[in-house]
Amino acid sequence: RVRDAIDPLLRRPFGIFDLGTFATEYTDCGRQT
């Protein structure tokens, strides 16, 4: 859903290009998916 509004009404489909994790700016928070 591109934005919380009536226009555009429908969601857009997109293929998953990649998945993984990365280190967050705050090291105590661990890694983010």
PDB file of all heavy atoms in Angstrom:
ATOM      1  N   ARG A   1       0.875  -1.177   0.000  1.00  0.00           N
ATOM      2  CA  ARG A   1       0.000   0.000   0.000  1.00  0.00           C
ATOM      3  C   ARG A   1       0.906   1.219   0.000  1.00  0.00           C
ATOM      4  O   ARG A   1       1.679   1.440   0.940  1.00  0.00           O
ATOM      5  CB  ARG A   1      -0.918   0.019   1.227  1.00  0.00           C
ATOM      6  CG  ARG A   1      -1.891   1.202   1.221  1.00  0.00           C
ATOM      7  CD  ARG A   1      -2.820   1.192   2.434  1.00  0.00           C
ATOM      8  NE  ARG A   1      -3.710   0.049   2.448  1.00  0.00           N
ATOM      9  CZ  ARG A   1      -4.812  -0.060   1.704  1.00  0.00           C
ATOM     10  NH1 ARG A   1      -5.136   0.916   0.868  1.00  0.00           N
ATOM     11  NH2 ARG A   1      -5.559  -1.125   1.786  1.00  0.00           N
ATOM     12  N   VAL A   2       0.829   1.998  -1.068  1.00  0.00           N
ATOM     13  CA  VAL A   2       1.776   3.089  -1.272  1.00  0.00           C
ATOM     14  C   VAL A   2       1.610   4.184  -0.227  1.00  0.00           C
ATOM     15  O   VAL A   2       2.585   4.754   0.253  1.00  0.00           O
ATOM     16  CB  VAL A   2       1.620   3.672  -2.693  1.00  0.00           C
ATOM     17  CG1 VAL A   2       2.574   4.831  -2.905  1.00  0.00           C
ATOM     18  CG2 VAL A   2       1.867   2.576  -3.730  1.00  0.00           C
ATOM     19  N   ARG A   3       0.372   4.474   0.168  1.00  0.00           N
ATOM     20  CA  ARG A   3       0.149   5.468   1.213  1.00  0.00           C
ATOM     21  C   ARG A   3      -1.220   5.244   1.839  1.00  0.00           C
ATOM     22  O   ARG A   3      -2.078   4.583   1.252  1.00  0.00           O
ATOM     23  CB  ARG A   3       0.255   6.891   0.673  1.00  0.00           C
ATOM     24  CG  ARG A   3      -0.807   7.273  -0.349  1.00  0.00           C
ATOM     25  CD  ARG A   3      -0.673   8.726  -0.743  1.00  0.00           C
ATOM     26  NE  ARG A   3      -1.738   9.125  -1.662  1.00  0.00           N
ATOM     27  CZ  ARG A   3      -1.912  10.375  -2.090  1.00  0.00           C
ATOM     28  NH1 ARG A   3      -1.106  11.317  -1.687  1.00  0.00           N
ATOM     29  NH2 ARG A   3      -2.899  10.664  -2.922  1.00  0.00           N
ATOM     30  N   ASP A   4      -1.413   5.769   3.021  1.00  0.00           N
ATOM     31  CA  ASP A   4      -2.679   5.614   3.750  1.00  0.00           C
ATOM     32  C   ASP A   4      -3.700   6.625   3.241  1.00  0.00           C
ATOM     33  O   ASP A   4      -3.984   7.650   3.866  1.00  0.00           O
ATOM     34  CB  ASP A   4      -2.464   5.786   5.254  1.00  0.00           C
ATOM     35  CG  ASP A   4      -1.642   4.655   5.846  1.00  0.00           C
ATOM     36  OD1 ASP A   4      -1.762   3.526   5.351  1.00  0.00           O
ATOM     37  OD2 ASP A   4      -0.877   4.909   6.787  1.00  0.00           O
ATOM     38  N   ALA A   5      -4.254   6.366   2.078  1.00  0.00           N
ATOM     39  CA  ALA A   5      -5.258   7.251   1.475  1.00  0.00           C
ATOM     40  C   ALA A   5      -6.099   6.445   0.506  1.00  0.00           C
ATOM     41  O   ALA A   5      -5.748   5.315   0.131  1.00  0.00           O
ATOM     42  CB  ALA A   5      -4.580   8.416   0.757  1.00  0.00           C
ATOM     43  N   ILE A   6      -7.231   7.011   0.103  1.00  0.00           N
ATOM     44  CA  ILE A   6      -8.111   6.319  -0.838  1.00  0.00           C
ATOM     45  C   ILE A   6      -7.464   6.232  -2.217  1.00  0.00           C
ATOM     46  O   ILE A   6      -7.656   5.261  -2.946  1.00  0.00           O
ATOM     47  CB  ILE A   6      -9.472   7.043  -0.920  1.00  0.00           C
ATOM     48  CG1 ILE A   6     -10.200   6.946   0.424  1.00  0.00           C
ATOM     49  CG2 ILE A   6     -10.328   6.472  -2.037  1.00  0.00           C
ATOM     50  CD1 ILE A   6     -11.517   7.678   0.461  1.00  0.00           C
ATOM     51  N   ASP A   7      -6.689   7.232  -2.580  1.00  0.00           N
ATOM     52  CA  ASP A   7      -6.046   7.269  -3.890  1.00  0.00           C
ATOM     53  C   ASP A   7      -4.529   7.200  -3.721  1.00  0.00           C
ATOM     54  O   ASP A   7      -3.946   8.080  -3.076  1.00  0.00           O
ATOM     55  CB  ASP A   7      -6.431   8.549  -4.627  1.00  0.00           C
ATOM     56  CG  ASP A   7      -5.899   8.598  -6.041  1.00  0.00           C
ATOM     57  OD1 ASP A   7      -5.676   7.513  -6.614  1.00  0.00           O
ATOM     58  OD2 ASP A   7      -5.699   9.711  -6.567  1.00  0.00           O
ATOM     59  N   PRO A   8      -3.870   6.156  -4.236  1.00  0.00           N
ATOM     60  CA  PRO A   8      -4.427   5.014  -4.979  1.00  0.00           C
ATOM     61  C   PRO A   8      -5.077   4.004  -4.045  1.00  0.00           C
ATOM     62  O   PRO A   8      -4.576   3.746  -2.952  1.00  0.00           O
ATOM     63  CB  PRO A   8      -3.210   4.421  -5.673  1.00  0.00           C
ATOM     64  CG  PRO A   8      -2.069   4.767  -4.780  1.00  0.00           C
ATOM     65  CD  PRO A   8      -2.393   6.093  -4.187  1.00  0.00           C
ATOM     66  N   LEU A   9      -6.187   3.430  -4.502  1.00  0.00           N
ATOM     67  CA  LEU A   9      -6.990   2.542  -3.662  1.00  0.00           C
ATOM     68  C   LEU A   9      -6.333   1.179  -3.472  1.00  0.00           C
ATOM     69  O   LEU A   9      -6.321   0.635  -2.370  1.00  0.00           O
ATOM     70  CB  LEU A   9      -8.377   2.372  -4.288  1.00  0.00           C
ATOM     71  CG  LEU A   9      -9.338   1.408  -3.580  1.00  0.00           C
ATOM     72  CD1 LEU A   9      -9.666   1.927  -2.182  1.00  0.00           C
ATOM     73  CD2 LEU A   9     -10.623   1.242  -4.392  1.00  0.00           C
ATOM     74  N   LEU A  10      -5.807   0.616  -4.532  1.00  0.00           N
ATOM     75  CA  LEU A  10      -5.323  -0.764  -4.491  1.00  0.00           C
ATOM     76  C   LEU A  10      -3.828  -0.842  -4.171  1.00  0.00           C
ATOM     77  O   LEU A  10      -3.058   0.053  -4.506  1.00  0.00           O
ATOM     78  CB  LEU A  10      -5.586  -1.446  -5.831  1.00  0.00           C
ATOM     79  CG  LEU A  10      -7.045  -1.510  -6.286  1.00  0.00           C
ATOM     80  CD1 LEU A  10      -7.131  -2.135  -7.668  1.00  0.00           C
ATOM     81  CD2 LEU A  10      -7.895  -2.274  -5.286  1.00  0.00           C
ATOM     82  N   ARG A  11      -3.449  -1.960  -3.557  1.00  0.00           N
ATOM     83  CA  ARG A  11      -2.040  -2.251  -3.345  1.00  0.00           C
ATOM     84  C   ARG A  11      -1.386  -2.605  -4.675  1.00  0.00           C
ATOM     85  O   ARG A  11      -2.064  -2.976  -5.635  1.00  0.00           O
ATOM     86  CB  ARG A  11      -1.879  -3.429  -2.372  1.00  0.00           C
ATOM     87  CG  ARG A  11      -2.397  -3.158  -0.963  1.00  0.00           C
ATOM     88  CD  ARG A  11      -2.310  -4.416  -0.125  1.00  0.00           C
ATOM     89  NE  ARG A  11      -2.864  -4.212   1.209  1.00  0.00           N
ATOM     90  CZ  ARG A  11      -2.164  -3.834   2.263  1.00  0.00           C
ATOM     91  NH1 ARG A  11      -0.844  -3.658   2.141  1.00  0.00           N
ATOM     92  NH2 ARG A  11      -2.733  -3.653   3.432  1.00  0.00           N
ATOM     93  N   ARG A  12      -0.068  -2.515  -4.707  1.00  0.00           N
ATOM     94  CA  ARG A  12       0.696  -2.889  -5.891  1.00  0.00           C
ATOM     95  C   ARG A  12       1.515  -4.138  -5.597  1.00  0.00           C
ATOM     96  O   ARG A  12       2.126  -4.246  -4.533  1.00  0.00           O
ATOM     97  CB  ARG A  12       1.650  -1.762  -6.289  1.00  0.00           C
ATOM     98  CG  ARG A  12       1.133  -0.749  -7.312  1.00  0.00           C
ATOM     99  CD  ARG A  12      -0.225  -0.248  -7.081  1.00  0.00           C
ATOM    100  NE  ARG A  12      -0.601   0.775  -8.086  1.00  0.00           N
ATOM    101  CZ  ARG A  12      -1.724   1.459  -8.027  1.00  0.00           C
ATOM    102  NH1 ARG A  12      -2.583   1.222  -7.060  1.00  0.00           N
ATOM    103  NH2 ARG A  12      -2.007   2.357  -8.953  1.00  0.00           N
ATOM    104  N   PRO A  13       1.537  -5.113  -6.547  1.00  0.00           N
ATOM    105  CA  PRO A  13       2.333  -6.333  -6.342  1.00  0.00           C
ATOM    106  C   PRO A  13       3.764  -6.168  -6.846  1.00  0.00           C
ATOM    107  O   PRO A  13       3.990  -5.598  -7.921  1.00  0.00           O
ATOM    108  CB  PRO A  13       1.579  -7.368  -7.182  1.00  0.00           C
ATOM    109  CG  PRO A  13       1.010  -6.571  -8.314  1.00  0.00           C
ATOM    110  CD  PRO A  13       0.709  -5.197  -7.772  1.00  0.00           C
ATOM    111  N   PHE A  14       4.718  -6.706  -6.078  1.00  0.00           N
ATOM    112  CA  PHE A  14       6.123  -6.665  -6.480  1.00  0.00           C
ATOM    113  C   PHE A  14       6.792  -7.975  -6.074  1.00  0.00           C
ATOM    114  O   PHE A  14       6.623  -8.443  -4.943  1.00  0.00           O
ATOM    115  CB  PHE A  14       6.868  -5.503  -5.813  1.00  0.00           C
ATOM    116  CG  PHE A  14       6.291  -4.153  -6.130  1.00  0.00           C
ATOM    117  CD1 PHE A  14       5.438  -3.525  -5.229  1.00  0.00           C
ATOM    118  CD2 PHE A  14       6.576  -3.515  -7.331  1.00  0.00           C
ATOM    119  CE1 PHE A  14       4.892  -2.283  -5.515  1.00  0.00           C
ATOM    120  CE2 PHE A  14       6.040  -2.276  -7.631  1.00  0.00           C
ATOM    121  CZ  PHE A  14       5.189  -1.649  -6.718  1.00  0.00           C
ATOM    122  N   GLY A  15       7.562  -8.556  -6.984  1.00  0.00           N
ATOM    123  CA  GLY A  15       8.320  -9.751  -6.653  1.00  0.00           C
ATOM    124  C   GLY A  15       9.396  -9.446  -5.637  1.00  0.00           C
ATOM    125  O   GLY A  15       9.947  -8.333  -5.602  1.00  0.00           O
ATOM    126  N   ILE A  16       9.712 -10.409  -4.786  1.00  0.00           N
ATOM    127  CA  ILE A  16      10.769 -10.233  -3.790  1.00  0.00           C
ATOM    128  C   ILE A  16      12.115 -10.352  -4.495  1.00  0.00           C
ATOM    129  O   ILE A  16      12.457 -11.405  -5.039  1.00  0.00           O
ATOM    130  CB  ILE A  16      10.650 -11.281  -2.671  1.00  0.00           C
ATOM    131  CG1 ILE A  16       9.349 -11.061  -1.895  1.00  0.00           C
ATOM    132  CG2 ILE A  16      11.852 -11.213  -1.731  1.00  0.00           C
ATOM    133  CD1 ILE A  16       9.065 -12.129  -0.850  1.00  0.00           C
ATOM    134  N   PHE A  17      12.881  -9.268  -4.485  1.00  0.00           N
ATOM    135  CA  PHE A  17      14.193  -9.244  -5.118  1.00  0.00           C
ATOM    136  C   PHE A  17      15.260  -9.844  -4.212  1.00  0.00           C
ATOM    137  O   PHE A  17      16.132 -10.588  -4.659  1.00  0.00           O
ATOM    138  CB  PHE A  17      14.564  -7.799  -5.471  1.00  0.00           C
ATOM    139  CG  PHE A  17      15.918  -7.664  -6.123  1.00  0.00           C
ATOM    140  CD1 PHE A  17      16.103  -8.031  -7.446  1.00  0.00           C
ATOM    141  CD2 PHE A  17      17.004  -7.165  -5.415  1.00  0.00           C
ATOM    142  CE1 PHE A  17      17.347  -7.912  -8.054  1.00  0.00           C
ATOM    143  CE2 PHE A  17      18.245  -7.035  -6.015  1.00  0.00           C
ATOM    144  CZ  PHE A  17      18.418  -7.410  -7.336  1.00  0.00           C
ATOM    145  N   ASP A  18      15.193  -9.537  -2.912  1.00  0.00           N
ATOM    146  CA  ASP A  18      16.187 -10.061  -1.984  1.00  0.00           C
ATOM    147  C   ASP A  18      15.659  -9.973  -0.561  1.00  0.00           C
ATOM    148  O   ASP A  18      14.777  -9.160  -0.249  1.00  0.00           O
ATOM    149  CB  ASP A  18      17.497  -9.277  -2.096  1.00  0.00           C
ATOM    150  CG  ASP A  18      18.677  -9.981  -1.439  1.00  0.00           C
ATOM    151  OD1 ASP A  18      18.555 -11.184  -1.137  1.00  0.00           O
ATOM    152  OD2 ASP A  18      19.720  -9.329  -1.235  1.00  0.00           O
ATOM    153  N   LEU A  19      16.203 -10.815   0.290  1.00  0.00           N
ATOM    154  CA  LEU A  19      15.907 -10.821   1.727  1.00  0.00           C
ATOM    155  C   LEU A  19      17.221 -10.967   2.479  1.00  0.00           C
ATOM    156  O   LEU A  19      18.171 -11.573   1.983  1.00  0.00           O
ATOM    157  CB  LEU A  19      14.977 -11.979   2.093  1.00  0.00           C
ATOM    158  CG  LEU A  19      13.583 -11.999   1.486  1.00  0.00           C
ATOM    159  CD1 LEU A  19      12.889 -13.309   1.828  1.00  0.00           C
ATOM    160  CD2 LEU A  19      12.752 -10.822   1.976  1.00  0.00           C
ATOM    161  N   GLY A  20      17.260 -10.441   3.699  1.00  0.00           N
ATOM    162  CA  GLY A  20      18.468 -10.585   4.505  1.00  0.00           C
ATOM    163  C   GLY A  20      18.377  -9.777   5.778  1.00  0.00           C
ATOM    164  O   GLY A  20      17.288  -9.365   6.190  1.00  0.00           O
ATOM    165  N   THR A  21      19.513  -9.556   6.408  1.00  0.00           N
ATOM    166  CA  THR A  21      19.575  -8.752   7.622  1.00  0.00           C
ATOM    167  C   THR A  21      20.715  -7.743   7.505  1.00  0.00           C
ATOM    168  O   THR A  21      21.647  -7.933   6.710  1.00  0.00           O
ATOM    169  CB  THR A  21      19.804  -9.622   8.870  1.00  0.00           C
ATOM    170  OG1 THR A  21      21.069 -10.282   8.766  1.00  0.00           O
ATOM    171  CG2 THR A  21      18.690 -10.642   9.037  1.00  0.00           C
ATOM    172  N   PHE A  22      20.636  -6.691   8.296  1.00  0.00           N
ATOM    173  CA  PHE A  22      21.702  -5.690   8.332  1.00  0.00           C
ATOM    174  C   PHE A  22      21.836  -5.181   9.763  1.00  0.00           C
ATOM    175  O   PHE A  22      20.897  -5.276  10.570  1.00  0.00           O
ATOM    176  CB  PHE A  22      21.394  -4.522   7.388  1.00  0.00           C
ATOM    177  CG  PHE A  22      20.216  -3.685   7.800  1.00  0.00           C
ATOM    178  CD1 PHE A  22      20.402  -2.491   8.502  1.00  0.00           C
ATOM    179  CD2 PHE A  22      18.921  -4.084   7.502  1.00  0.00           C
ATOM    180  CE1 PHE A  22      19.316  -1.713   8.877  1.00  0.00           C
ATOM    181  CE2 PHE A  22      17.831  -3.316   7.888  1.00  0.00           C
ATOM    182  CZ  PHE A  22      18.026  -2.126   8.581  1.00  0.00           C
ATOM    183  N   ALA A  23      23.007  -4.660  10.098  1.00  0.00           N
ATOM    184  CA  ALA A  23      23.255  -4.115  11.431  1.00  0.00           C
ATOM    185  C   ALA A  23      22.583  -2.746  11.549  1.00  0.00           C
ATOM    186  O   ALA A  23      22.733  -1.892  10.672  1.00  0.00           O
ATOM    187  CB  ALA A  23      24.759  -3.984  11.675  1.00  0.00           C
ATOM    188  N   THR A  24      21.836  -2.539  12.613  1.00  0.00           N
ATOM    189  CA  THR A  24      21.158  -1.263  12.819  1.00  0.00           C
ATOM    190  C   THR A  24      22.143  -0.205  13.310  1.00  0.00           C
ATOM    191  O   THR A  24      23.259  -0.509  13.728  1.00  0.00           O
ATOM    192  CB  THR A  24      20.026  -1.409  13.847  1.00  0.00           C
ATOM    193  OG1 THR A  24      20.602  -1.796  15.110  1.00  0.00           O
ATOM    194  CG2 THR A  24      19.028  -2.459  13.399  1.00  0.00           C
ATOM    195  N   GLU A  25      21.704   1.060  13.251  1.00  0.00           N
ATOM    196  CA  GLU A  25      22.557   2.153  13.723  1.00  0.00           C
ATOM    197  C   GLU A  25      22.869   2.005  15.204  1.00  0.00           C
ATOM    198  O   GLU A  25      23.925   2.425  15.676  1.00  0.00           O
ATOM    199  CB  GLU A  25      21.868   3.498  13.473  1.00  0.00           C
ATOM    200  CG  GLU A  25      21.640   3.808  11.998  1.00  0.00           C
ATOM    201  CD  GLU A  25      20.923   5.129  11.822  1.00  0.00           C
ATOM    202  OE1 GLU A  25      21.207   6.066  12.610  1.00  0.00           O
ATOM    203  OE2 GLU A  25      20.079   5.241  10.917  1.00  0.00           O
ATOM    204  N   TYR A  26      21.938   1.430  15.936  1.00  0.00           N
ATOM    205  CA  TYR A  26      22.109   1.278  17.376  1.00  0.00           C
ATOM    206  C   TYR A  26      22.504  -0.174  17.659  1.00  0.00           C
ATOM    207  O   TYR A  26      21.690  -1.084  17.570  1.00  0.00           O
ATOM    208  CB  TYR A  26      20.809   1.648  18.096  1.00  0.00           C
ATOM    209  CG  TYR A  26      20.314   3.018  17.679  1.00  0.00           C
ATOM    210  CD1 TYR A  26      19.284   3.148  16.745  1.00  0.00           C
ATOM    211  CD2 TYR A  26      20.912   4.175  18.178  1.00  0.00           C
ATOM    212  CE1 TYR A  26      18.841   4.397  16.338  1.00  0.00           C
ATOM    213  CE2 TYR A  26      20.474   5.427  17.772  1.00  0.00           C
ATOM    214  CZ  TYR A  26      19.444   5.536  16.848  1.00  0.00           C
ATOM    215  OH  TYR A  26      19.020   6.775  16.441  1.00  0.00           O
ATOM    216  N   THR A  27      23.761  -0.390  17.959  1.00  0.00           N
ATOM    217  CA  THR A  27      24.308  -1.739  18.042  1.00  0.00           C
ATOM    218  C   THR A  27      23.599  -2.611  19.062  1.00  0.00           C
ATOM    219  O   THR A  27      23.554  -3.821  18.920  1.00  0.00           O
ATOM    220  CB  THR A  27      25.808  -1.675  18.372  1.00  0.00           C
ATOM    221  OG1 THR A  27      25.982  -0.909  19.575  1.00  0.00           O
ATOM    222  CG2 THR A  27      26.582  -1.007  17.246  1.00  0.00           C
ATOM    223  N   ASP A  28      23.044  -2.013  20.111  1.00  0.00           N
ATOM    224  CA  ASP A  28      22.355  -2.805  21.127  1.00  0.00           C
ATOM    225  C   ASP A  28      21.069  -3.437  20.592  1.00  0.00           C
ATOM    226  O   ASP A  28      20.505  -4.324  21.223  1.00  0.00           O
ATOM    227  CB  ASP A  28      22.029  -1.938  22.355  1.00  0.00           C
ATOM    228  CG  ASP A  28      23.282  -1.560  23.141  1.00  0.00           C
ATOM    229  OD1 ASP A  28      24.313  -2.219  22.924  1.00  0.00           O
ATOM    230  OD2 ASP A  28      23.221  -0.629  23.948  1.00  0.00           O
ATOM    231  N   CYS A  29      20.607  -2.957  19.447  1.00  0.00           N
ATOM    232  CA  CYS A  29      19.353  -3.468  18.877  1.00  0.00           C
ATOM    233  C   CYS A  29      19.576  -4.688  17.984  1.00  0.00           C
ATOM    234  O   CYS A  29      18.621  -5.249  17.452  1.00  0.00           O
ATOM    235  CB  CYS A  29      18.649  -2.371  18.082  1.00  0.00           C
ATOM    236  SG  CYS A  29      18.124  -0.975  19.098  1.00  0.00           S
ATOM    237  N   GLY A  30      20.833  -5.090  17.797  1.00  0.00           N
ATOM    238  CA  GLY A  30      21.114  -6.273  16.997  1.00  0.00           C
ATOM    239  C   GLY A  30      20.924  -6.030  15.518  1.00  0.00           C
ATOM    240  O   GLY A  30      21.171  -4.938  15.018  1.00  0.00           O
ATOM    241  N   ARG A  31      20.442  -7.053  14.801  1.00  0.00           N
ATOM    242  CA  ARG A  31      20.287  -6.973  13.359  1.00  0.00           C
ATOM    243  C   ARG A  31      18.810  -6.873  12.980  1.00  0.00           C
ATOM    244  O   ARG A  31      17.947  -7.435  13.640  1.00  0.00           O
ATOM    245  CB  ARG A  31      20.928  -8.185  12.682  1.00  0.00           C
ATOM    246  CG  ARG A  31      22.436  -8.300  12.950  1.00  0.00           C
ATOM    247  CD  ARG A  31      23.069  -9.420  12.164  1.00  0.00           C
ATOM    248  NE  ARG A  31      23.055  -9.169  10.729  1.00  0.00           N
ATOM    249  CZ  ARG A  31      23.964  -8.417  10.081  1.00  0.00           C
ATOM    250  NH1 ARG A  31      24.938  -7.830  10.764  1.00  0.00           N
ATOM    251  NH2 ARG A  31      23.891  -8.251   8.768  1.00  0.00           N
ATOM    252  N   GLN A  32      18.546  -6.156  11.897  1.00  0.00           N
ATOM    253  CA  GLN A  32      17.188  -5.934  11.406  1.00  0.00           C
ATOM    254  C   GLN A  32      16.992  -6.677  10.091  1.00  0.00           C
ATOM    255  O   GLN A  32      17.865  -6.682   9.221  1.00  0.00           O
ATOM    256  CB  GLN A  32      16.954  -4.435  11.187  1.00  0.00           C
ATOM    257  CG  GLN A  32      15.684  -4.081  10.441  1.00  0.00           C
ATOM    258  CD  GLN A  32      14.430  -4.375  11.241  1.00  0.00           C
ATOM    259  OE1 GLN A  32      14.284  -3.882  12.355  1.00  0.00           O
ATOM    260  NE2 GLN A  32      13.527  -5.175  10.687  1.00  0.00           N
ATOM    261  N   THR A  33      15.846  -7.335   9.941  1.00  0.00           N
ATOM    262  CA  THR A  33      15.519  -8.030   8.700  1.00  0.00           C
ATOM    263  C   THR A  33      15.048  -7.031   7.645  1.00  0.00           C
ATOM    264  O   THR A  33      14.340  -6.067   7.960  1.00  0.00           O
ATOM    265  CB  THR A  33      14.413  -9.068   8.951  1.00  0.00           C
ATOM    266  OG1 THR A  33      14.787  -9.893  10.054  1.00  0.00           O
ATOM    267  CG2 THR A  33      14.199  -9.940   7.725  1.00  0.00           C
TER     268      THR A  33
END
